[in-house]
Each structure stands twice: as structure tokens, then as C-alpha cells.
């Protein structure tokens, strides 16, 4: 579970950084990350 929180935290900090630099980048990052995170949780559901 710690690993999952670490990944989400890293992704959130990436979003915040890109939002600070340029909002357009942040939007594209979010669009890329959301399906990725859902796939991650699907994989973890197989294990638990």
C-alpha cells in the first residue's frame, strides 16, 4: 500500500509542478496519468 501512495504522491507533485510552469502541460499530464492510475489499481486488485 505504501508503494501505491508513493506513486500517487509522485504523480500529484508532477501535476502541481507542471501546473506552476504551464497549465496546458498540467492538463495533458492529468489526461495521461488518470488512465495509467486506473490500470495500476486494476493490477493491484488482482493481487489483493
PDB file of N, CA and C in Angstrom:
ATOM      1  N   UNK A   1       0.830  -1.206   0.000  1.00  0.00           N
ATOM      2  CA  UNK A   1       0.000   0.000   0.000  1.00  0.00           C
ATOM      3  C   UNK A   1       0.866   1.258   0.000  1.00  0.00           C
ATOM      4  N   UNK A   2       1.977   1.231   0.713  1.00  0.00           N
ATOM      5  CA  UNK A   2       2.878   2.389   0.747  1.00  0.00           C
ATOM      6  C   UNK A   2       3.347   2.723  -0.667  1.00  0.00           C
ATOM      7  N   UNK A   3       3.616   1.664  -1.444  1.00  0.00           N
ATOM      8  CA  UNK A   3       4.084   1.849  -2.819  1.00  0.00           C
ATOM      9  C   UNK A   3       3.048   2.603  -3.647  1.00  0.00           C
ATOM     10  N   UNK A   4       1.770   2.252  -3.467  1.00  0.00           N
ATOM     11  CA  UNK A   4       0.694   2.921  -4.207  1.00  0.00           C
ATOM     12  C   UNK A   4       0.655   4.400  -3.844  1.00  0.00           C
ATOM     13  N   UNK A   5       0.723   4.705  -2.547  1.00  0.00           N
ATOM     14  CA  UNK A   5       0.687   6.097  -2.108  1.00  0.00           C
ATOM     15  C   UNK A   5       1.880   6.867  -2.650  1.00  0.00           C
ATOM     16  N   UNK A   6       3.037   6.207  -2.733  1.00  0.00           N
ATOM     17  CA  UNK A   6       4.234   6.856  -3.261  1.00  0.00           C
ATOM     18  C   UNK A   6       4.034   7.245  -4.719  1.00  0.00           C
ATOM     19  N   UNK A   7       3.471   6.326  -5.504  1.00  0.00           N
ATOM     20  CA  UNK A   7       3.232   6.590  -6.928  1.00  0.00           C
ATOM     21  C   UNK A   7       2.260   7.755  -7.097  1.00  0.00           C
ATOM     22  N   UNK A   8       1.157   7.715  -6.340  1.00  0.00           N
ATOM     23  CA  UNK A   8       0.148   8.772  -6.445  1.00  0.00           C
ATOM     24  C   UNK A   8       0.748  10.114  -6.019  1.00  0.00           C
ATOM     25  N   UNK A   9       1.534  10.106  -4.945  1.00  0.00           N
ATOM     26  CA  UNK A   9       2.173  11.326  -4.474  1.00  0.00           C
ATOM     27  C   UNK A   9       3.110  11.906  -5.519  1.00  0.00           C
ATOM     28  N   UNK A  10       3.871  11.036  -6.174  1.00  0.00           N
ATOM     29  CA  UNK A  10       4.798  11.481  -7.218  1.00  0.00           C
ATOM     30  C   UNK A  10       4.027  12.076  -8.389  1.00  0.00           C
ATOM     31  N   UNK A  11       2.914  11.447  -8.744  1.00  0.00           N
ATOM     32  CA  UNK A  11       2.119  11.945  -9.865  1.00  0.00           C
ATOM     33  C   UNK A  11       1.471  13.279  -9.524  1.00  0.00           C
ATOM     34  N   UNK A  12       0.988  13.411  -8.300  1.00  0.00           N
ATOM     35  CA  UNK A  12       0.364  14.668  -7.875  1.00  0.00           C
ATOM     36  C   UNK A  12       1.390  15.798  -7.874  1.00  0.00           C
ATOM     37  N   UNK A  13       2.599  15.525  -7.378  1.00  0.00           N
ATOM     38  CA  UNK A  13       3.632  16.554  -7.357  1.00  0.00           C
ATOM     39  C   UNK A  13       4.032  16.942  -8.775  1.00  0.00           C
ATOM     40  N   UNK A  14       4.022  15.965  -9.688  1.00  0.00           N
ATOM     41  CA  UNK A  14       4.311  16.258 -11.095  1.00  0.00           C
ATOM     42  C   UNK A  14       3.248  17.186 -11.669  1.00  0.00           C
ATOM     43  N   UNK A  15       1.989  16.907 -11.345  1.00  0.00           N
ATOM     44  CA  UNK A  15       0.882  17.750 -11.819  1.00  0.00           C
ATOM     45  C   UNK A  15       1.036  19.170 -11.276  1.00  0.00           C
ATOM     46  N   UNK A  16       1.347  19.283  -9.984  1.00  0.00           N
ATOM     47  CA  UNK A  16       1.481  20.600  -9.368  1.00  0.00           C
ATOM     48  C   UNK A  16       2.627  21.381  -9.992  1.00  0.00           C
ATOM     49  N   UNK A  17       3.757  20.704 -10.236  1.00  0.00           N
ATOM     50  CA  UNK A  17       4.904  21.358 -10.854  1.00  0.00           C
ATOM     51  C   UNK A  17       4.565  21.857 -12.248  1.00  0.00           C
ATOM     52  N   UNK A  18       3.926  21.014 -13.043  1.00  0.00           N
ATOM     53  CA  UNK A  18       3.599  21.410 -14.410  1.00  0.00           C
ATOM     54  C   UNK A  18       2.502  22.477 -14.424  1.00  0.00           C
ATOM     55  N   UNK A  19       1.622  22.444 -13.435  1.00  0.00           N
ATOM     56  CA  UNK A  19       0.581  23.472 -13.332  1.00  0.00           C
ATOM     57  C   UNK A  19       1.224  24.823 -13.042  1.00  0.00           C
ATOM     58  N   UNK A  20       2.294  24.800 -12.240  1.00  0.00           N
ATOM     59  CA  UNK A  20       3.009  26.032 -11.912  1.00  0.00           C
ATOM     60  C   UNK A  20       3.724  26.571 -13.146  1.00  0.00           C
ATOM     61  N   UNK A  21       4.304  25.670 -13.945  1.00  0.00           N
ATOM     62  CA  UNK A  21       5.046  26.084 -15.140  1.00  0.00           C
ATOM     63  C   UNK A  21       4.110  26.480 -16.271  1.00  0.00           C
ATOM     64  N   UNK A  22       3.185  25.608 -16.620  1.00  0.00           N
ATOM     65  CA  UNK A  22       2.182  25.963 -17.629  1.00  0.00           C
ATOM     66  C   UNK A  22       0.948  25.086 -17.478  1.00  0.00           C
ATOM     67  N   UNK A  23      -0.205  25.705 -17.314  1.00  0.00           N
ATOM     68  CA  UNK A  23      -1.454  24.971 -17.077  1.00  0.00           C
ATOM     69  C   UNK A  23      -1.777  23.975 -18.190  1.00  0.00           C
ATOM     70  N   UNK A  24      -1.396  24.296 -19.426  1.00  0.00           N
ATOM     71  CA  UNK A  24      -1.692  23.397 -20.542  1.00  0.00           C
ATOM     72  C   UNK A  24      -0.963  22.079 -20.381  1.00  0.00           C
ATOM     73  N   UNK A  25       0.289  22.138 -19.938  1.00  0.00           N
ATOM     74  CA  UNK A  25       1.055  20.917 -19.678  1.00  0.00           C
ATOM     75  C   UNK A  25       0.377  20.096 -18.589  1.00  0.00           C
ATOM     76  N   UNK A  26      -0.106  20.762 -17.564  1.00  0.00           N
ATOM     77  CA  UNK A  26      -0.757  20.070 -16.449  1.00  0.00           C
ATOM     78  C   UNK A  26      -1.959  19.279 -16.945  1.00  0.00           C
ATOM     79  N   UNK A  27      -2.737  19.890 -17.834  1.00  0.00           N
ATOM     80  CA  UNK A  27      -3.926  19.208 -18.365  1.00  0.00           C
ATOM     81  C   UNK A  27      -3.525  17.951 -19.118  1.00  0.00           C
ATOM     82  N   UNK A  28      -2.489  18.058 -19.958  1.00  0.00           N
ATOM     83  CA  UNK A  28      -2.055  16.891 -20.731  1.00  0.00           C
ATOM     84  C   UNK A  28      -1.484  15.817 -19.809  1.00  0.00           C
ATOM     85  N   UNK A  29      -0.785  16.231 -18.753  1.00  0.00           N
ATOM     86  CA  UNK A  29      -0.237  15.271 -17.789  1.00  0.00           C
ATOM     87  C   UNK A  29      -1.371  14.532 -17.083  1.00  0.00           C
ATOM     88  N   UNK A  30      -2.400  15.268 -16.668  1.00  0.00           N
ATOM     89  CA  UNK A  30      -3.548  14.652 -15.989  1.00  0.00           C
ATOM     90  C   UNK A  30      -4.234  13.658 -16.919  1.00  0.00           C
ATOM     91  N   UNK A  31      -4.410  14.046 -18.184  1.00  0.00           N
ATOM     92  CA  UNK A  31      -5.056  13.165 -19.161  1.00  0.00           C
ATOM     93  C   UNK A  31      -4.252  11.882 -19.329  1.00  0.00           C
ATOM     94  N   UNK A  32      -2.914  11.998 -19.272  1.00  0.00           N
ATOM     95  CA  UNK A  32      -2.057  10.817 -19.395  1.00  0.00           C
ATOM     96  C   UNK A  32      -2.093   9.968 -18.131  1.00  0.00           C
ATOM     97  N   UNK A  33      -2.124  10.612 -16.965  1.00  0.00           N
ATOM     98  CA  UNK A  33      -1.974   9.898 -15.690  1.00  0.00           C
ATOM     99  C   UNK A  33      -3.245   9.151 -15.288  1.00  0.00           C
ATOM    100  N   UNK A  34      -4.416   9.749 -15.492  1.00  0.00           N
ATOM    101  CA  UNK A  34      -5.656   9.141 -14.997  1.00  0.00           C
ATOM    102  C   UNK A  34      -5.852   7.711 -15.507  1.00  0.00           C
ATOM    103  N   UNK A  35      -5.735   7.437 -16.818  1.00  0.00           N
ATOM    104  CA  UNK A  35      -5.882   6.046 -17.278  1.00  0.00           C
ATOM    105  C   UNK A  35      -4.782   5.151 -16.713  1.00  0.00           C
ATOM    106  N   UNK A  36      -3.588   5.717 -16.566  1.00  0.00           N
ATOM    107  CA  UNK A  36      -2.445   4.972 -16.038  1.00  0.00           C
ATOM    108  C   UNK A  36      -2.718   4.527 -14.605  1.00  0.00           C
ATOM    109  N   UNK A  37      -3.246   5.433 -13.782  1.00  0.00           N
ATOM    110  CA  UNK A  37      -3.545   5.125 -12.388  1.00  0.00           C
ATOM    111  C   UNK A  37      -4.649   4.077 -12.289  1.00  0.00           C
ATOM    112  N   UNK A  38      -5.659   4.193 -13.159  1.00  0.00           N
ATOM    113  CA  UNK A  38      -6.748   3.213 -13.152  1.00  0.00           C
ATOM    114  C   UNK A  38      -6.222   1.832 -13.508  1.00  0.00           C
ATOM    115  N   UNK A  39      -5.307   1.768 -14.457  1.00  0.00           N
ATOM    116  CA  UNK A  39      -4.706   0.491 -14.846  1.00  0.00           C
ATOM    117  C   UNK A  39      -3.912  -0.081 -13.672  1.00  0.00           C
ATOM    118  N   UNK A  40      -3.201   0.795 -12.953  1.00  0.00           N
ATOM    119  CA  UNK A  40      -2.434   0.368 -11.778  1.00  0.00           C
ATOM    120  C   UNK A  40      -3.355  -0.275 -10.746  1.00  0.00           C
ATOM    121  N   UNK A  41      -4.468   0.383 -10.455  1.00  0.00           N
ATOM    122  CA  UNK A  41      -5.386  -0.140  -9.448  1.00  0.00           C
ATOM    123  C   UNK A  41      -6.013  -1.447  -9.901  1.00  0.00           C
ATOM    124  N   UNK A  42      -6.277  -1.564 -11.212  1.00  0.00           N
ATOM    125  CA  UNK A  42      -6.806  -2.829 -11.733  1.00  0.00           C
ATOM    126  C   UNK A  42      -5.805  -3.950 -11.485  1.00  0.00           C
ATOM    127  N   UNK A  43      -4.521  -3.654 -11.691  1.00  0.00           N
ATOM    128  CA  UNK A  43      -3.479  -4.657 -11.462  1.00  0.00           C
ATOM    129  C   UNK A  43      -3.390  -5.027  -9.983  1.00  0.00           C
ATOM    130  N   UNK A  44      -3.491  -4.025  -9.102  1.00  0.00           N
ATOM    131  CA  UNK A  44      -3.396  -4.293  -7.667  1.00  0.00           C
ATOM    132  C   UNK A  44      -4.607  -5.078  -7.170  1.00  0.00           C
ATOM    133  N   UNK A  45      -5.762  -4.847  -7.796  1.00  0.00           N
ATOM    134  CA  UNK A  45      -6.967  -5.591  -7.403  1.00  0.00           C
ATOM    135  C   UNK A  45      -6.804  -7.076  -7.678  1.00  0.00           C
ATOM    136  N   UNK A  46      -6.013  -7.423  -8.684  1.00  0.00           N
ATOM    137  CA  UNK A  46      -5.762  -8.830  -8.988  1.00  0.00           C
ATOM    138  C   UNK A  46      -4.973  -9.488  -7.856  1.00  0.00           C
ATOM    139  N   UNK A  47      -4.096  -8.692  -7.219  1.00  0.00           N
ATOM    140  CA  UNK A  47      -3.244  -9.249  -6.161  1.00  0.00           C
ATOM    141  C   UNK A  47      -3.981  -9.370  -4.833  1.00  0.00           C
ATOM    142  N   UNK A  48      -4.849  -8.394  -4.537  1.00  0.00           N
ATOM    143  CA  UNK A  48      -5.498  -8.386  -3.222  1.00  0.00           C
ATOM    144  C   UNK A  48      -6.824  -9.139  -3.245  1.00  0.00           C
TER     145      UNK A  48
END
